[in-house]
Protein backbone atom coordinates (compact mmCIF):
# COMPACT_ATOMS: atom_id res chain seq x y z
CA UNK A 1 -88.89 38.73 0.47
CA UNK A 2 -85.17 37.14 0.55
CA UNK A 3 -86.35 33.67 -0.77
CA UNK A 4 -88.23 35.54 -3.63
CA UNK A 5 -85.41 37.05 -5.36
CA UNK A 6 -83.47 34.35 -4.54
CA UNK A 7 -85.80 32.25 -6.72
CA UNK A 8 -85.73 34.76 -8.91
CA UNK A 9 -81.86 35.01 -9.20
CA UNK A 10 -82.10 30.89 -10.30
CA UNK A 11 -84.41 31.29 -12.70
CA UNK A 12 -82.62 34.25 -14.59
CA UNK A 13 -79.06 31.63 -14.62
CA UNK A 14 -81.21 28.84 -15.48
CA UNK A 15 -82.74 30.68 -18.11
CA UNK A 16 -79.15 31.77 -19.52
CA UNK A 17 -77.72 28.11 -19.33
CA UNK A 18 -80.53 27.17 -22.02
CA UNK A 19 -79.77 29.85 -24.29
CA UNK A 20 -77.08 27.53 -26.11
CA UNK A 21 -76.82 23.93 -27.42
CA UNK A 22 -73.01 22.05 -27.47
CA UNK A 23 -70.71 20.40 -30.26
CA UNK A 24 -69.10 18.02 -28.94
CA UNK A 25 -68.33 18.98 -25.58
CA UNK A 26 -68.48 22.88 -26.21
CA UNK A 27 -70.82 24.80 -25.44
CA UNK A 28 -72.22 27.58 -27.84
CA UNK A 29 -74.15 30.47 -26.95
CA UNK A 30 -76.41 33.42 -27.41
CA UNK A 31 -73.33 36.16 -27.76
CA UNK A 32 -71.13 34.31 -29.64
CA UNK A 33 -69.20 35.90 -32.00
CA UNK A 34 -69.57 33.49 -36.07
CA UNK A 35 -66.06 32.41 -35.72
CA UNK A 36 -65.85 30.55 -32.76
CA UNK A 37 -69.53 28.75 -33.65
CA UNK A 38 -67.50 27.63 -37.04
CA UNK A 39 -64.84 26.73 -34.55
CA UNK A 40 -66.27 24.10 -32.31
CA UNK A 41 -68.60 23.01 -34.92
CA UNK A 42 -67.41 23.29 -38.18
CA UNK A 43 -69.64 23.42 -41.43
CA UNK A 44 -73.48 24.19 -41.68
CA UNK A 45 -75.69 22.75 -43.31
CA UNK A 46 -76.90 25.41 -44.69
CA UNK A 47 -76.12 28.75 -44.68
CA UNK A 48 -77.87 31.55 -45.99
CA UNK A 49 -77.72 35.72 -46.26
CA UNK A 50 -79.86 38.65 -45.91
CA UNK A 51 -79.96 42.28 -45.44
CA UNK A 52 -82.23 43.41 -42.55
CA UNK A 53 -83.14 46.84 -41.38
CA UNK A 54 -84.04 48.04 -37.22
CA UNK A 55 -84.51 50.81 -35.94
CA UNK A 56 -87.07 53.76 -34.87
CA UNK A 57 -89.62 56.80 -35.92
CA UNK A 58 -89.71 59.45 -33.26
CA UNK A 59 -92.86 62.10 -33.49
CA UNK A 60 -92.78 65.13 -31.79
CA UNK A 61 -96.04 66.28 -30.98
CA UNK A 62 -94.69 69.40 -33.17
CA UNK A 63 -95.15 67.64 -36.09
CA UNK A 64 -91.04 66.53 -35.99
CA UNK A 65 -90.09 62.85 -37.22
CA UNK A 66 -86.62 61.39 -36.27
CA UNK A 67 -86.58 57.99 -37.95
CA UNK A 68 -82.77 55.75 -37.73
CA UNK A 69 -82.84 53.27 -38.41
CA UNK A 70 -79.36 50.66 -39.48
CA UNK A 71 -78.12 48.12 -41.66
CA UNK A 72 -78.14 45.02 -40.44
CA UNK A 73 -76.42 41.75 -41.72
CA UNK A 74 -78.25 38.63 -40.75
CA UNK A 75 -77.07 35.32 -41.06
CA UNK A 76 -78.68 31.44 -40.87
CA UNK A 77 -77.02 28.87 -40.30
CA UNK A 78 -78.83 24.94 -39.28
CA UNK A 79 -77.14 22.13 -38.32
CA UNK A 80 -78.36 18.10 -38.34
CA UNK A 81 -76.02 16.40 -35.93
CA UNK A 82 -78.45 13.52 -37.05
CA UNK A 83 -81.36 11.33 -35.66
CA UNK A 84 -80.65 11.14 -31.78
CA UNK A 85 -79.65 14.97 -31.92
CA UNK A 86 -82.71 18.07 -33.05
CA UNK A 87 -81.28 19.72 -35.42
CA UNK A 88 -80.02 23.87 -34.77
CA UNK A 89 -80.86 27.06 -35.95
CA UNK A 90 -78.78 29.94 -35.44
CA UNK A 91 -79.66 33.27 -36.30
CA UNK A 92 -76.58 36.34 -35.89
CA UNK A 93 -76.64 39.75 -37.09
CA UNK A 94 -73.66 41.79 -37.60
CA UNK A 95 -71.62 38.64 -37.35
CA UNK A 96 -72.73 37.90 -33.75
CA UNK A 97 -75.47 34.73 -31.99
CA UNK A 98 -78.88 36.27 -31.36
CA UNK A 99 -80.71 33.84 -31.18
CA UNK A 100 -81.35 29.75 -31.18
CA UNK A 101 -83.45 27.33 -31.81
CA UNK A 102 -84.12 23.89 -31.43
CA UNK A 103 -86.16 21.94 -34.75
CA UNK A 104 -86.94 18.50 -35.32
CA UNK A 105 -84.47 15.96 -35.29
CA UNK A 106 -81.92 15.52 -37.97
CA UNK A 107 -81.60 12.91 -40.24
C-alpha cells in the first residue's frame, strides 16, 4: 500500500512539473501572475482579451433557484520561440496563469 501511495505522489509531482515551460532558463508555470510572465518572457506574439463568466445555479427542491456568477477577465497570449520550439498558448484569468497549451512549432 505504501508503494502505491509513493507512486501516486511521484506522479503528482511529475505532472505538476510539466505544467510549465521555460523562457530562456527561467520557468513559467500555472499560478504565475501576468507581470511575472511578461518579465520572464517579454511581449508575446499575440494577445487577446475577452470577458467570461463562471458560476453555478443551485436548485432547491422547494422551487428556490440561486444563481451565483462572477465576471472573469481572460487574457490569451501566444509566444513564438522559433522553429526549434513549440509555440505556447497561455490563458490568464484575472491576471493569473491558469492554462498552458503547446501548439505547433514556431516559425
